[in-house]
N, C-alpha and C. Protein backbone atom coordinates (compact mmCIF):
# COMPACT_ATOMS: atom_id res chain seq x y z
N UNK A 1 26.50 -39.56 39.00
CA UNK A 1 27.24 -39.24 38.08
C UNK A 1 27.99 -38.11 38.16
N UNK A 2 29.47 -38.29 37.58
CA UNK A 2 30.67 -37.30 37.52
C UNK A 2 30.51 -36.29 36.83
N UNK A 3 30.03 -35.14 37.41
CA UNK A 3 30.39 -33.89 36.82
C UNK A 3 31.37 -33.92 35.57
N UNK A 4 30.64 -33.02 34.40
CA UNK A 4 31.47 -33.38 33.25
C UNK A 4 31.36 -32.07 32.54
N UNK A 5 32.32 -31.16 32.57
CA UNK A 5 32.32 -29.84 31.63
C UNK A 5 32.58 -30.13 30.47
N UNK A 6 31.88 -29.11 29.59
CA UNK A 6 32.30 -28.86 28.14
C UNK A 6 33.78 -28.59 28.07
N UNK A 7 34.14 -28.02 28.65
CA UNK A 7 35.67 -28.22 28.24
C UNK A 7 36.85 -29.45 28.32
N UNK A 8 36.24 -30.52 29.27
CA UNK A 8 36.57 -31.39 29.43
C UNK A 8 36.02 -32.84 28.38
N UNK A 9 35.13 -32.57 27.50
CA UNK A 9 34.96 -33.06 26.99
C UNK A 9 35.64 -32.85 25.75
N UNK A 10 35.38 -31.60 25.55
CA UNK A 10 36.31 -30.93 24.05
C UNK A 10 37.58 -31.31 24.12
N UNK A 11 38.18 -31.24 25.23
CA UNK A 11 39.78 -31.97 25.31
C UNK A 11 39.68 -33.39 24.85
N UNK A 12 38.75 -34.39 25.87
CA UNK A 12 39.14 -35.27 24.98
C UNK A 12 38.71 -35.82 23.62
N UNK A 13 37.69 -35.12 23.11
CA UNK A 13 37.16 -35.15 21.68
C UNK A 13 38.69 -34.81 20.89
N UNK A 14 39.54 -33.76 21.04
CA UNK A 14 40.55 -33.63 20.13
C UNK A 14 41.67 -34.83 20.29
N UNK A 15 41.38 -35.63 21.78
CA UNK A 15 42.32 -37.04 21.68
C UNK A 15 42.03 -37.80 20.12
N UNK A 16 41.00 -37.39 19.84
CA UNK A 16 40.55 -38.42 18.66
C UNK A 16 41.26 -38.14 17.48
N UNK A 17 41.27 -39.28 16.23
CA UNK A 17 41.66 -39.04 15.37
C UNK A 17 40.77 -38.22 14.44
N UNK A 18 41.15 -37.57 13.54
CA UNK A 18 40.24 -36.54 12.90
C UNK A 18 38.99 -37.58 12.32
N UNK A 19 39.18 -38.63 11.80
CA UNK A 19 37.60 -39.41 11.51
C UNK A 19 36.93 -39.80 12.52
N UNK A 20 37.62 -40.15 13.93
CA UNK A 20 36.71 -40.23 14.61
C UNK A 20 35.51 -39.02 15.28
N UNK A 21 36.69 -37.60 15.10
CA UNK A 21 36.25 -36.63 15.68
C UNK A 21 34.68 -36.07 14.24
N UNK A 22 34.51 -36.79 13.03
CA UNK A 22 33.91 -36.21 12.26
C UNK A 22 32.68 -37.17 12.58
N UNK A 23 32.98 -38.34 13.08
CA UNK A 23 31.87 -39.49 13.03
C UNK A 23 31.32 -38.45 14.68
N UNK A 24 31.91 -38.37 15.49
CA UNK A 24 31.26 -37.94 16.69
C UNK A 24 30.61 -36.65 16.39
N UNK A 25 30.94 -35.59 15.76
CA UNK A 25 30.24 -34.56 15.51
C UNK A 25 29.05 -34.94 14.41
N UNK A 26 29.08 -35.84 13.68
CA UNK A 26 27.66 -36.67 13.13
C UNK A 26 26.90 -37.09 14.14
N UNK A 27 27.36 -37.88 14.85
CA UNK A 27 26.43 -38.93 16.00
C UNK A 27 25.88 -37.75 17.10
N UNK A 28 26.48 -36.37 17.33
CA UNK A 28 26.06 -35.66 18.15
C UNK A 28 24.65 -34.55 17.05
N UNK A 29 25.13 -34.54 15.97
CA UNK A 29 24.17 -33.72 14.94
C UNK A 29 22.35 -34.63 15.04
N UNK A 30 23.37 -36.00 14.99
CA UNK A 30 21.82 -36.64 14.80
C UNK A 30 20.59 -36.72 15.81
N UNK A 31 21.91 -36.90 17.10
CA UNK A 31 20.97 -37.17 18.27
C UNK A 31 20.31 -35.63 18.56
N UNK A 32 21.34 -34.54 18.54
CA UNK A 32 20.30 -33.62 18.79
C UNK A 32 18.83 -33.29 17.70
N UNK A 33 19.10 -33.73 16.57
CA UNK A 33 18.21 -33.44 15.49
C UNK A 33 16.80 -34.52 15.72
N UNK A 34 17.32 -35.69 16.49
CA UNK A 34 16.26 -36.17 16.68
C UNK A 34 15.66 -35.72 18.10
N UNK A 35 16.31 -35.11 18.92
CA UNK A 35 15.51 -34.23 20.44
C UNK A 35 14.87 -33.26 20.07
N UNK A 36 15.46 -32.34 19.42
CA UNK A 36 14.59 -31.24 18.81
C UNK A 36 12.99 -31.89 17.93
N UNK A 37 13.26 -33.24 17.13
CA UNK A 37 12.30 -33.51 16.59
C UNK A 37 11.00 -34.03 17.67
N UNK A 38 11.77 -34.57 18.64
CA UNK A 38 10.56 -35.22 19.99
C UNK A 38 10.08 -33.67 20.65
N UNK A 39 10.94 -33.00 20.80
CA UNK A 39 10.60 -31.62 21.59
C UNK A 39 9.32 -31.32 20.56
N UNK A 40 9.59 -31.17 19.11
CA UNK A 40 8.48 -30.45 18.51
C UNK A 40 6.84 -31.52 18.88
N UNK A 41 7.17 -32.65 18.60
CA UNK A 41 6.08 -33.20 18.66
C UNK A 41 5.48 -32.95 19.72
N UNK A 42 5.95 -33.53 21.12
CA UNK A 42 5.35 -32.80 22.03
C UNK A 42 4.70 -31.43 22.33
N UNK A 43 5.33 -30.54 21.81
CA UNK A 43 4.52 -29.21 21.85
C UNK A 43 3.79 -29.11 20.69
N UNK A 44 3.80 -29.69 19.58
CA UNK A 44 2.31 -30.14 18.44
C UNK A 44 1.23 -30.64 19.50
N UNK A 45 1.39 -31.96 20.13
CA UNK A 45 0.58 -32.72 20.59
C UNK A 45 -0.43 -31.72 21.96
N UNK A 46 0.93 -30.78 22.43
CA UNK A 46 0.43 -30.34 23.94
C UNK A 46 -0.59 -28.87 23.27
N UNK A 47 -0.27 -28.44 22.33
CA UNK A 47 -1.10 -27.71 21.38
C UNK A 47 -2.15 -27.90 20.99
N UNK A 48 -2.13 -29.00 20.36
CA UNK A 48 -3.79 -29.70 19.67
C UNK A 48 -4.57 -29.85 20.82
N UNK A 49 -4.31 -30.62 22.05
CA UNK A 49 -4.75 -31.13 23.43
C UNK A 49 -5.32 -29.90 24.13
N UNK A 50 -4.55 -28.31 23.78
CA UNK A 50 -5.22 -27.50 24.40
C UNK A 50 -6.19 -26.77 23.26
N UNK A 51 -6.02 -26.73 22.15
CA UNK A 51 -6.92 -26.74 21.25
C UNK A 51 -8.57 -27.03 21.36
N UNK A 52 -8.37 -28.49 21.48
CA UNK A 52 -9.59 -29.60 21.94
C UNK A 52 -10.37 -29.11 22.86
N UNK A 53 -9.33 -28.79 23.96
CA UNK A 53 -10.23 -28.07 25.27
C UNK A 53 -11.02 -26.71 25.35
N UNK A 54 -10.48 -26.29 24.17
CA UNK A 54 -10.91 -24.55 24.22
C UNK A 54 -10.12 -23.62 24.96
N UNK A 55 -9.05 -24.60 25.10
CA UNK A 55 -7.77 -23.26 25.87
C UNK A 55 -7.21 -21.76 24.26
N UNK A 56 -7.54 -22.46 23.71
CA UNK A 56 -6.80 -21.43 22.32
C UNK A 56 -7.68 -21.34 21.25
N UNK A 57 -7.63 -20.59 20.27
CA UNK A 57 -8.50 -20.17 19.01
C UNK A 57 -7.79 -19.90 17.68
N UNK A 58 -8.10 -20.02 16.67
CA UNK A 58 -7.51 -20.22 15.30
C UNK A 58 -7.85 -18.39 15.09
N UNK A 59 -7.34 -18.10 14.40
CA UNK A 59 -7.11 -16.45 13.84
C UNK A 59 -6.67 -16.26 12.76
N UNK A 60 -6.62 -15.47 12.28
CA UNK A 60 -5.26 -14.51 10.75
C UNK A 60 -4.11 -14.24 11.54
N UNK A 61 -3.31 -13.57 11.29
CA UNK A 61 -2.38 -13.23 12.03
C UNK A 61 -2.49 -11.66 12.30
N UNK A 62 -3.18 -11.04 11.32
CA UNK A 62 -3.79 -9.65 12.08
C UNK A 62 -4.69 -9.84 13.08
N UNK A 63 -5.46 -10.65 13.20
CA UNK A 63 -5.85 -10.97 14.75
C UNK A 63 -5.00 -11.56 16.07
N UNK A 64 -4.07 -11.82 15.82
CA UNK A 64 -3.25 -12.35 16.94
C UNK A 64 -2.42 -10.81 17.46
N UNK A 65 -1.87 -10.18 15.93
CA UNK A 65 -1.67 -8.80 16.48
C UNK A 65 -2.23 -7.76 16.99
N UNK A 66 -4.11 -7.82 17.11
CA UNK A 66 -4.84 -7.36 17.69
C UNK A 66 -4.92 -7.26 19.40
N UNK A 67 -4.67 -8.83 19.45
CA UNK A 67 -5.38 -9.17 20.89
C UNK A 67 -3.69 -8.83 21.52
N UNK A 68 -2.52 -8.95 20.90
CA UNK A 68 -1.50 -8.51 21.51
C UNK A 68 -1.28 -7.30 22.31
N UNK A 69 -2.25 -6.57 21.46
CA UNK A 69 -1.99 -4.83 21.35
C UNK A 69 -2.97 -4.89 22.69
N UNK A 70 -4.15 -5.40 22.78
CA UNK A 70 -5.15 -5.40 24.03
C UNK A 70 -5.00 -5.72 24.96
N UNK A 71 -3.33 -6.69 25.13
CA UNK A 71 -3.05 -7.14 26.50
C UNK A 71 -2.20 -6.35 26.73
N UNK A 72 -1.81 -5.03 25.94
CA UNK A 72 -0.52 -4.14 26.75
C UNK A 72 -1.61 -3.71 27.53
């Protein structure tokens, strides 16, 4: 795959009409939102698996801060 720089992409995007630039921005926003959603789902699945395997535990915010203080 050819190396593509952000500047070259931006330069090419400037060649588009205003309507096409808006459409491109909307498409990118939707794709990024979907990618973030996928990453969050994966993170939740990993967290649930760790919890079920006994590698994590639940507690209050105070418990978390106490645990963090003892780790220092």
